[in-house]
Amino acid sequence: MLCDSEAILEESLLAMDTSKLHIQRIGDRAVVGPAYQLEAIREALQERGTYPKVIGELVPPSVLEEDEDEDDEASDEEDDEETSEQEESA
């Protein structure tokens, strides 16, 4: 996300609780992070009359949770395979 004003971006970030957001400042006017988390910052900036450029698609958290669930299932299957191999060799 790229903001036109460094000062407004700084004020907006200080005014909101960003402790649970996985964002990182890049330079004076830019913030990078998961797109769905940038939405709250974008709304705060718009309330101040600034309309930042957002690059990328806004992906809802539910899509990411589905991906994590699939990764967890794949990891569980790998663990089960390793356990079976260890039991067979013993």
PDB file of N, CA and C in Angstrom:
ATOM      1  N   MET A   1       0.850  -1.155   0.000  1.00  0.00           N
ATOM      2  CA  MET A   1       0.000   0.000   0.000  1.00  0.00           C
ATOM      3  C   MET A   1       0.900   1.223   0.000  1.00  0.00           C
ATOM      4  N   LEU A   2       0.574   2.160  -0.855  1.00  0.00           N
ATOM      5  CA  LEU A   2       1.356   3.378  -0.974  1.00  0.00           C
ATOM      6  C   LEU A   2       0.464   4.574  -0.672  1.00  0.00           C
ATOM      7  N   CYS A   3       0.886   5.374   0.293  1.00  0.00           N
ATOM      8  CA  CYS A   3       0.123   6.541   0.732  1.00  0.00           C
ATOM      9  C   CYS A   3       0.763   7.802   0.155  1.00  0.00           C
ATOM     10  N   ASP A   4      -0.053   8.794  -0.149  1.00  0.00           N
ATOM     11  CA  ASP A   4       0.459  10.047  -0.689  1.00  0.00           C
ATOM     12  C   ASP A   4       1.204  10.866   0.357  1.00  0.00           C
ATOM     13  N   SER A   5       0.825  10.717   1.617  1.00  0.00           N
ATOM     14  CA  SER A   5       1.384  11.557   2.676  1.00  0.00           C
ATOM     15  C   SER A   5       2.029  10.713   3.773  1.00  0.00           C
ATOM     16  N   GLU A   6       3.302  10.958   3.990  1.00  0.00           N
ATOM     17  CA  GLU A   6       4.029  10.270   5.065  1.00  0.00           C
ATOM     18  C   GLU A   6       3.414  10.589   6.424  1.00  0.00           C
ATOM     19  N   ALA A   7       3.065  11.847   6.644  1.00  0.00           N
ATOM     20  CA  ALA A   7       2.531  12.279   7.940  1.00  0.00           C
ATOM     21  C   ALA A   7       1.184  11.623   8.238  1.00  0.00           C
ATOM     22  N   ILE A   8       0.308  11.576   7.254  1.00  0.00           N
ATOM     23  CA  ILE A   8      -1.013  10.983   7.475  1.00  0.00           C
ATOM     24  C   ILE A   8      -0.893   9.485   7.715  1.00  0.00           C
ATOM     25  N   LEU A   9       0.007   8.815   6.995  1.00  0.00           N
ATOM     26  CA  LEU A   9       0.220   7.392   7.227  1.00  0.00           C
ATOM     27  C   LEU A   9       0.719   7.164   8.647  1.00  0.00           C
ATOM     28  N   GLU A  10       1.685   7.944   9.070  1.00  0.00           N
ATOM     29  CA  GLU A  10       2.239   7.802  10.415  1.00  0.00           C
ATOM     30  C   GLU A  10       1.170   8.053  11.478  1.00  0.00           C
ATOM     31  N   GLU A  11       0.397   9.116  11.328  1.00  0.00           N
ATOM     32  CA  GLU A  11      -0.660   9.434  12.289  1.00  0.00           C
ATOM     33  C   GLU A  11      -1.710   8.327  12.339  1.00  0.00           C
ATOM     34  N   SER A  12      -2.064   7.799  11.188  1.00  0.00           N
ATOM     35  CA  SER A  12      -3.083   6.751  11.130  1.00  0.00           C
ATOM     36  C   SER A  12      -2.599   5.486  11.817  1.00  0.00           C
ATOM     37  N   LEU A  13      -1.358   5.101  11.579  1.00  0.00           N
ATOM     38  CA  LEU A  13      -0.810   3.898  12.203  1.00  0.00           C
ATOM     39  C   LEU A  13      -0.691   4.059  13.714  1.00  0.00           C
ATOM     40  N   LEU A  14      -0.331   5.255  14.163  1.00  0.00           N
ATOM     41  CA  LEU A  14      -0.229   5.504  15.605  1.00  0.00           C
ATOM     42  C   LEU A  14      -1.598   5.509  16.278  1.00  0.00           C
ATOM     43  N   ALA A  15      -2.623   5.925  15.547  1.00  0.00           N
ATOM     44  CA  ALA A  15      -3.963   6.023  16.117  1.00  0.00           C
ATOM     45  C   ALA A  15      -4.665   4.672  16.228  1.00  0.00           C
ATOM     46  N   MET A  16      -4.194   3.676  15.503  1.00  0.00           N
ATOM     47  CA  MET A  16      -4.853   2.376  15.535  1.00  0.00           C
ATOM     48  C   MET A  16      -3.960   1.333  16.183  1.00  0.00           C
ATOM     49  N   ASP A  17      -4.579   0.234  16.615  1.00  0.00           N
ATOM     50  CA  ASP A  17      -3.832  -0.866  17.231  1.00  0.00           C
ATOM     51  C   ASP A  17      -3.330  -1.781  16.123  1.00  0.00           C
ATOM     52  N   THR A  18      -2.036  -1.695  15.838  1.00  0.00           N
ATOM     53  CA  THR A  18      -1.448  -2.516  14.778  1.00  0.00           C
ATOM     54  C   THR A  18      -0.689  -3.715  15.338  1.00  0.00           C
ATOM     55  N   SER A  19      -0.825  -3.968  16.632  1.00  0.00           N
ATOM     56  CA  SER A  19      -0.065  -5.053  17.251  1.00  0.00           C
ATOM     57  C   SER A  19      -0.432  -6.439  16.709  1.00  0.00           C
ATOM     58  N   LYS A  20      -1.665  -6.610  16.250  1.00  0.00           N
ATOM     59  CA  LYS A  20      -2.091  -7.914  15.742  1.00  0.00           C
ATOM     60  C   LYS A  20      -1.954  -8.019  14.227  1.00  0.00           C
ATOM     61  N   LEU A  21      -1.477  -6.954  13.593  1.00  0.00           N
ATOM     62  CA  LEU A  21      -1.308  -6.954  12.146  1.00  0.00           C
ATOM     63  C   LEU A  21       0.114  -7.360  11.793  1.00  0.00           C
ATOM     64  N   HIS A  22       0.238  -8.105  10.733  1.00  0.00           N
ATOM     65  CA  HIS A  22       1.552  -8.536  10.251  1.00  0.00           C
ATOM     66  C   HIS A  22       1.960  -7.621   9.097  1.00  0.00           C
ATOM     67  N   ILE A  23       2.270  -6.381   9.452  1.00  0.00           N
ATOM     68  CA  ILE A  23       2.621  -5.393   8.441  1.00  0.00           C
ATOM     69  C   ILE A  23       4.037  -4.914   8.678  1.00  0.00           C
ATOM     70  N   GLN A  24       4.608  -4.322   7.637  1.00  0.00           N
ATOM     71  CA  GLN A  24       5.940  -3.764   7.754  1.00  0.00           C
ATOM     72  C   GLN A  24       5.996  -2.486   6.937  1.00  0.00           C
ATOM     73  N   ARG A  25       6.592  -1.463   7.518  1.00  0.00           N
ATOM     74  CA  ARG A  25       6.793  -0.208   6.794  1.00  0.00           C
ATOM     75  C   ARG A  25       7.935  -0.393   5.809  1.00  0.00           C
ATOM     76  N   ILE A  26       7.732   0.096   4.621  1.00  0.00           N
ATOM     77  CA  ILE A  26       8.786   0.103   3.601  1.00  0.00           C
ATOM     78  C   ILE A  26       8.926   1.541   3.144  1.00  0.00           C
ATOM     79  N   GLY A  27       9.922   2.186   3.609  1.00  0.00           N
ATOM     80  CA  GLY A  27      10.087   3.596   3.286  1.00  0.00           C
ATOM     81  C   GLY A  27       9.145   4.454   4.109  1.00  0.00           C
ATOM     82  N   ASP A  28       9.023   5.698   3.699  1.00  0.00           N
ATOM     83  CA  ASP A  28       8.223   6.658   4.464  1.00  0.00           C
ATOM     84  C   ASP A  28       6.728   6.561   4.194  1.00  0.00           C
ATOM     85  N   ARG A  29       6.367   6.152   2.977  1.00  0.00           N
ATOM     86  CA  ARG A  29       4.957   6.205   2.595  1.00  0.00           C
ATOM     87  C   ARG A  29       4.345   4.859   2.260  1.00  0.00           C
ATOM     88  N   ALA A  30       5.070   3.768   2.446  1.00  0.00           N
ATOM     89  CA  ALA A  30       4.557   2.464   2.016  1.00  0.00           C
ATOM     90  C   ALA A  30       4.506   1.463   3.164  1.00  0.00           C
ATOM     91  N   VAL A  31       3.502   0.592   3.090  1.00  0.00           N
ATOM     92  CA  VAL A  31       3.308  -0.481   4.062  1.00  0.00           C
ATOM     93  C   VAL A  31       3.071  -1.758   3.262  1.00  0.00           C
ATOM     94  N   VAL A  32       3.665  -2.851   3.714  1.00  0.00           N
ATOM     95  CA  VAL A  32       3.442  -4.135   3.068  1.00  0.00           C
ATOM     96  C   VAL A  32       2.925  -5.113   4.110  1.00  0.00           C
ATOM     97  N   GLY A  33       2.047  -6.000   3.680  1.00  0.00           N
ATOM     98  CA  GLY A  33       1.481  -6.998   4.582  1.00  0.00           C
ATOM     99  C   GLY A  33       0.400  -7.769   3.853  1.00  0.00           C
ATOM    100  N   PRO A  34      -0.211  -8.724   4.556  1.00  0.00           N
ATOM    101  CA  PRO A  34      -1.328  -9.459   3.935  1.00  0.00           C
ATOM    102  C   PRO A  34      -2.425  -8.476   3.530  1.00  0.00           C
ATOM    103  N   ALA A  35      -2.922  -8.642   2.337  1.00  0.00           N
ATOM    104  CA  ALA A  35      -3.874  -7.679   1.779  1.00  0.00           C
ATOM    105  C   ALA A  35      -5.101  -7.477   2.659  1.00  0.00           C
ATOM    106  N   TYR A  36      -5.613  -8.556   3.248  1.00  0.00           N
ATOM    107  CA  TYR A  36      -6.824  -8.399   4.054  1.00  0.00           C
ATOM    108  C   TYR A  36      -6.558  -7.565   5.311  1.00  0.00           C
ATOM    109  N   GLN A  37      -5.303  -7.522   5.784  1.00  0.00           N
ATOM    110  CA  GLN A  37      -4.985  -6.708   6.947  1.00  0.00           C
ATOM    111  C   GLN A  37      -4.771  -5.244   6.566  1.00  0.00           C
ATOM    112  N   LEU A  38      -4.439  -4.991   5.334  1.00  0.00           N
ATOM    113  CA  LEU A  38      -4.256  -3.612   4.888  1.00  0.00           C
ATOM    114  C   LEU A  38      -5.586  -2.871   4.788  1.00  0.00           C
ATOM    115  N   GLU A  39      -6.678  -3.613   4.736  1.00  0.00           N
ATOM    116  CA  GLU A  39      -8.006  -2.994   4.611  1.00  0.00           C
ATOM    117  C   GLU A  39      -8.282  -2.035   5.772  1.00  0.00           C
ATOM    118  N   ALA A  40      -7.935  -2.425   6.987  1.00  0.00           N
ATOM    119  CA  ALA A  40      -8.170  -1.556   8.153  1.00  0.00           C
ATOM    120  C   ALA A  40      -7.359  -0.267   8.051  1.00  0.00           C
ATOM    121  N   ILE A  41      -6.145  -0.369   7.568  1.00  0.00           N
ATOM    122  CA  ILE A  41      -5.305   0.820   7.403  1.00  0.00           C
ATOM    123  C   ILE A  41      -5.873   1.701   6.296  1.00  0.00           C
ATOM    124  N   ARG A  42      -6.295   1.073   5.222  1.00  0.00           N
ATOM    125  CA  ARG A  42      -6.887   1.829   4.108  1.00  0.00           C
ATOM    126  C   ARG A  42      -8.110   2.615   4.574  1.00  0.00           C
ATOM    127  N   GLU A  43      -8.954   1.983   5.379  1.00  0.00           N
ATOM    128  CA  GLU A  43     -10.147   2.660   5.886  1.00  0.00           C
ATOM    129  C   GLU A  43      -9.770   3.831   6.792  1.00  0.00           C
ATOM    130  N   ALA A  44      -8.755   3.640   7.639  1.00  0.00           N
ATOM    131  CA  ALA A  44      -8.311   4.724   8.524  1.00  0.00           C
ATOM    132  C   ALA A  44      -7.774   5.899   7.709  1.00  0.00           C
ATOM    133  N   LEU A  45      -7.056   5.604   6.648  1.00  0.00           N
ATOM    134  CA  LEU A  45      -6.529   6.678   5.793  1.00  0.00           C
ATOM    135  C   LEU A  45      -7.657   7.405   5.066  1.00  0.00           C
ATOM    136  N   GLN A  46      -8.658   6.648   4.601  1.00  0.00           N
ATOM    137  CA  GLN A  46      -9.770   7.275   3.898  1.00  0.00           C
ATOM    138  C   GLN A  46     -10.571   8.192   4.818  1.00  0.00           C
ATOM    139  N   GLU A  47     -10.655   7.829   6.099  1.00  0.00           N
ATOM    140  CA  GLU A  47     -11.343   8.696   7.054  1.00  0.00           C
ATOM    141  C   GLU A  47     -10.628  10.038   7.181  1.00  0.00           C
ATOM    142  N   ARG A  48      -9.343  10.067   6.888  1.00  0.00           N
ATOM    143  CA  ARG A  48      -8.552  11.299   6.945  1.00  0.00           C
ATOM    144  C   ARG A  48      -8.473  11.984   5.578  1.00  0.00           C
ATOM    145  N   GLY A  49      -9.201  11.451   4.605  1.00  0.00           N
ATOM    146  CA  GLY A  49      -9.248  12.084   3.289  1.00  0.00           C
ATOM    147  C   GLY A  49      -8.111  11.683   2.365  1.00  0.00           C
ATOM    148  N   THR A  50      -7.402  10.616   2.683  1.00  0.00           N
ATOM    149  CA  THR A  50      -6.305  10.129   1.845  1.00  0.00           C
ATOM    150  C   THR A  50      -6.694   8.788   1.256  1.00  0.00           C
ATOM    151  N   TYR A  51      -6.469   8.640  -0.028  1.00  0.00           N
ATOM    152  CA  TYR A  51      -6.848   7.412  -0.714  1.00  0.00           C
ATOM    153  C   TYR A  51      -5.588   6.727  -1.251  1.00  0.00           C
ATOM    154  N   PRO A  52      -5.072   5.757  -0.490  1.00  0.00           N
ATOM    155  CA  PRO A  52      -3.811   5.105  -0.863  1.00  0.00           C
ATOM    156  C   PRO A  52      -3.983   4.157  -2.041  1.00  0.00           C
ATOM    157  N   LYS A  53      -2.870   3.876  -2.702  1.00  0.00           N
ATOM    158  CA  LYS A  53      -2.859   2.870  -3.764  1.00  0.00           C
ATOM    159  C   LYS A  53      -2.602   1.519  -3.117  1.00  0.00           C
ATOM    160  N   VAL A  54      -3.452   0.557  -3.422  1.00  0.00           N
ATOM    161  CA  VAL A  54      -3.275  -0.802  -2.918  1.00  0.00           C
ATOM    162  C   VAL A  54      -2.952  -1.679  -4.113  1.00  0.00           C
ATOM    163  N   ILE A  55      -1.823  -2.366  -4.042  1.00  0.00           N
ATOM    164  CA  ILE A  55      -1.401  -3.245  -5.125  1.00  0.00           C
ATOM    165  C   ILE A  55      -1.682  -4.677  -4.707  1.00  0.00           C
ATOM    166  N   GLY A  56      -2.376  -5.401  -5.544  1.00  0.00           N
ATOM    167  CA  GLY A  56      -2.737  -6.786  -5.236  1.00  0.00           C
ATOM    168  C   GLY A  56      -4.214  -6.881  -4.919  1.00  0.00           C
ATOM    169  N   GLU A  57      -4.669  -8.108  -4.776  1.00  0.00           N
ATOM    170  CA  GLU A  57      -6.075  -8.352  -4.477  1.00  0.00           C
ATOM    171  C   GLU A  57      -6.280  -8.446  -2.977  1.00  0.00           C
ATOM    172  N   LEU A  58      -7.433  -7.983  -2.510  1.00  0.00           N
ATOM    173  CA  LEU A  58      -7.774  -8.115  -1.106  1.00  0.00           C
ATOM    174  C   LEU A  58      -8.343  -9.509  -0.893  1.00  0.00           C
ATOM    175  N   VAL A  59      -7.556 -10.361  -0.262  1.00  0.00           N
ATOM    176  CA  VAL A  59      -7.944 -11.745  -0.026  1.00  0.00           C
ATOM    177  C   VAL A  59      -8.536 -11.848   1.370  1.00  0.00           C
ATOM    178  N   PRO A  60      -9.762 -12.360   1.500  1.00  0.00           N
ATOM    179  CA  PRO A  60     -10.362 -12.475   2.831  1.00  0.00           C
ATOM    180  C   PRO A  60      -9.635 -13.523   3.672  1.00  0.00           C
ATOM    181  N   PRO A  61      -9.622 -13.337   4.994  1.00  0.00           N
ATOM    182  CA  PRO A  61      -8.928 -14.273   5.875  1.00  0.00           C
ATOM    183  C   PRO A  61      -9.417 -15.708   5.737  1.00  0.00           C
ATOM    184  N   SER A  62     -10.682 -15.904   5.385  1.00  0.00           N
ATOM    185  CA  SER A  62     -11.215 -17.266   5.277  1.00  0.00           C
ATOM    186  C   SER A  62     -10.476 -18.073   4.213  1.00  0.00           C
ATOM    187  N   VAL A  63     -10.031 -17.443   3.155  1.00  0.00           N
ATOM    188  CA  VAL A  63      -9.280 -18.139   2.110  1.00  0.00           C
ATOM    189  C   VAL A  63      -7.942 -18.606   2.664  1.00  0.00           C
ATOM    190  N   LEU A  64      -7.303 -17.753   3.432  1.00  0.00           N
ATOM    191  CA  LEU A  64      -6.014 -18.117   4.020  1.00  0.00           C
ATOM    192  C   LEU A  64      -6.174 -19.229   5.039  1.00  0.00           C
ATOM    193  N   GLU A  65      -7.252 -19.220   5.804  1.00  0.00           N
ATOM    194  CA  GLU A  65      -7.494 -20.271   6.793  1.00  0.00           C
ATOM    195  C   GLU A  65      -7.682 -21.613   6.098  1.00  0.00           C
ATOM    196  N   GLU A  66      -8.347 -21.622   4.955  1.00  0.00           N
ATOM    197  CA  GLU A  66      -8.536 -22.858   4.198  1.00  0.00           C
ATOM    198  C   GLU A  66      -7.194 -23.402   3.743  1.00  0.00           C
ATOM    199  N   ASP A  67      -6.301 -22.511   3.277  1.00  0.00           N
ATOM    200  CA  ASP A  67      -4.965 -22.936   2.853  1.00  0.00           C
ATOM    201  C   ASP A  67      -4.185 -23.519   4.019  1.00  0.00           C
ATOM    202  N   GLU A  68      -4.281 -22.896   5.189  1.00  0.00           N
ATOM    203  CA  GLU A  68      -3.578 -23.396   6.370  1.00  0.00           C
ATOM    204  C   GLU A  68      -4.105 -24.763   6.776  1.00  0.00           C
ATOM    205  N   ASP A  69      -5.424 -24.953   6.689  1.00  0.00           N
ATOM    206  CA  ASP A  69      -6.017 -26.247   7.025  1.00  0.00           C
ATOM    207  C   ASP A  69      -5.494 -27.335   6.095  1.00  0.00           C
ATOM    208  N   GLU A  70      -5.389 -27.020   4.808  1.00  0.00           N
ATOM    209  CA  GLU A  70      -4.864 -27.990   3.849  1.00  0.00           C
ATOM    210  C   GLU A  70      -3.408 -28.321   4.150  1.00  0.00           C
ATOM    211  N   ASP A  71      -2.614 -27.308   4.518  1.00  0.00           N
ATOM    212  CA  ASP A  71      -1.214 -27.531   4.867  1.00  0.00           C
ATOM    213  C   ASP A  71      -1.102 -28.410   6.104  1.00  0.00           C
ATOM    214  N   ASP A  72      -1.966 -28.159   7.092  1.00  0.00           N
ATOM    215  CA  ASP A  72      -1.960 -28.957   8.320  1.00  0.00           C
ATOM    216  C   ASP A  72      -2.294 -30.414   8.021  1.00  0.00           C
ATOM    217  N   GLU A  73      -3.287 -30.639   7.154  1.00  0.00           N
ATOM    218  CA  GLU A  73      -3.680 -32.005   6.794  1.00  0.00           C
ATOM    219  C   GLU A  73      -2.535 -32.721   6.084  1.00  0.00           C
ATOM    220  N   ALA A  74      -1.863 -32.026   5.185  1.00  0.00           N
ATOM    221  CA  ALA A  74      -0.737 -32.624   4.461  1.00  0.00           C
ATOM    222  C   ALA A  74       0.399 -32.949   5.421  1.00  0.00           C
ATOM    223  N   SER A  75       0.637 -32.068   6.374  1.00  0.00           N
ATOM    224  CA  SER A  75       1.688 -32.296   7.368  1.00  0.00           C
ATOM    225  C   SER A  75       1.342 -33.491   8.251  1.00  0.00           C
ATOM    226  N   ASP A  76       0.079 -33.611   8.636  1.00  0.00           N
ATOM    227  CA  ASP A  76      -0.360 -34.748   9.446  1.00  0.00           C
ATOM    228  C   ASP A  76      -0.173 -36.064   8.695  1.00  0.00           C
ATOM    229  N   GLU A  77      -0.484 -36.066   7.404  1.00  0.00           N
ATOM    230  CA  GLU A  77      -0.316 -37.273   6.598  1.00  0.00           C
ATOM    231  C   GLU A  77       1.154 -37.675   6.514  1.00  0.00           C
ATOM    232  N   GLU A  78       2.053 -36.681   6.366  1.00  0.00           N
ATOM    233  CA  GLU A  78       3.489 -36.966   6.320  1.00  0.00           C
ATOM    234  C   GLU A  78       3.956 -37.550   7.645  1.00  0.00           C
ATOM    235  N   ASP A  79       3.463 -36.988   8.755  1.00  0.00           N
ATOM    236  CA  ASP A  79       3.827 -37.499  10.083  1.00  0.00           C
ATOM    237  C   ASP A  79       3.367 -38.939  10.250  1.00  0.00           C
ATOM    238  N   ASP A  80       2.154 -39.251   9.776  1.00  0.00           N
ATOM    239  CA  ASP A  80       1.627 -40.612   9.875  1.00  0.00           C
ATOM    240  C   ASP A  80       2.482 -41.586   9.073  1.00  0.00           C
ATOM    241  N   GLU A  81       2.926 -41.154   7.883  1.00  0.00           N
ATOM    242  CA  GLU A  81       3.764 -42.007   7.047  1.00  0.00           C
ATOM    243  C   GLU A  81       5.105 -42.287   7.723  1.00  0.00           C
ATOM    244  N   GLU A  82       5.705 -41.253   8.329  1.00  0.00           N
ATOM    245  CA  GLU A  82       6.984 -41.427   9.016  1.00  0.00           C
ATOM    246  C   GLU A  82       6.837 -42.374  10.202  1.00  0.00           C
ATOM    247  N   THR A  83       5.755 -42.235  10.941  1.00  0.00           N
ATOM    248  CA  THR A  83       5.512 -43.102  12.093  1.00  0.00           C
ATOM    249  C   THR A  83       5.354 -44.553  11.633  1.00  0.00           C
ATOM    250  N   SER A  84       4.636 -44.774  10.535  1.00  0.00           N
ATOM    251  CA  SER A  84       4.436 -46.134  10.010  1.00  0.00           C
ATOM    252  C   SER A  84       5.757 -46.741   9.583  1.00  0.00           C
ATOM    253  N   GLU A  85       6.601 -45.925   8.923  1.00  0.00           N
ATOM    254  CA  GLU A  85       7.908 -46.424   8.475  1.00  0.00           C
ATOM    255  C   GLU A  85       8.786 -46.801   9.658  1.00  0.00           C
ATOM    256  N   GLN A  86       8.744 -45.979  10.725  1.00  0.00           N
ATOM    257  CA  GLN A  86       9.550 -46.254  11.909  1.00  0.00           C
ATOM    258  C   GLN A  86       9.062 -47.522  12.606  1.00  0.00           C
ATOM    259  N   GLU A  87       7.766 -47.751  12.656  1.00  0.00           N
ATOM    260  CA  GLU A  87       7.223 -48.942  13.303  1.00  0.00           C
ATOM    261  C   GLU A  87       7.586 -50.186  12.506  1.00  0.00           C
ATOM    262  N   GLU A  88       7.581 -50.087  11.172  1.00  0.00           N
ATOM    263  CA  GLU A  88       7.920 -51.220  10.333  1.00  0.00           C
ATOM    264  C   GLU A  88       9.377 -51.612  10.482  1.00  0.00           C
ATOM    265  N   SER A  89      10.262 -50.642  10.641  1.00  0.00           N
ATOM    266  CA  SER A  89      11.691 -50.922  10.736  1.00  0.00           C
ATOM    267  C   SER A  89      12.079 -51.441  12.118  1.00  0.00           C
ATOM    268  N   ALA A  90      11.238 -51.229  13.118  1.00  0.00           N
ATOM    269  CA  ALA A  90      11.561 -51.670  14.486  1.00  0.00           C
ATOM    270  C   ALA A  90      11.269 -53.095  14.738  1.00  0.00           C
TER     271      ALA A  90
END
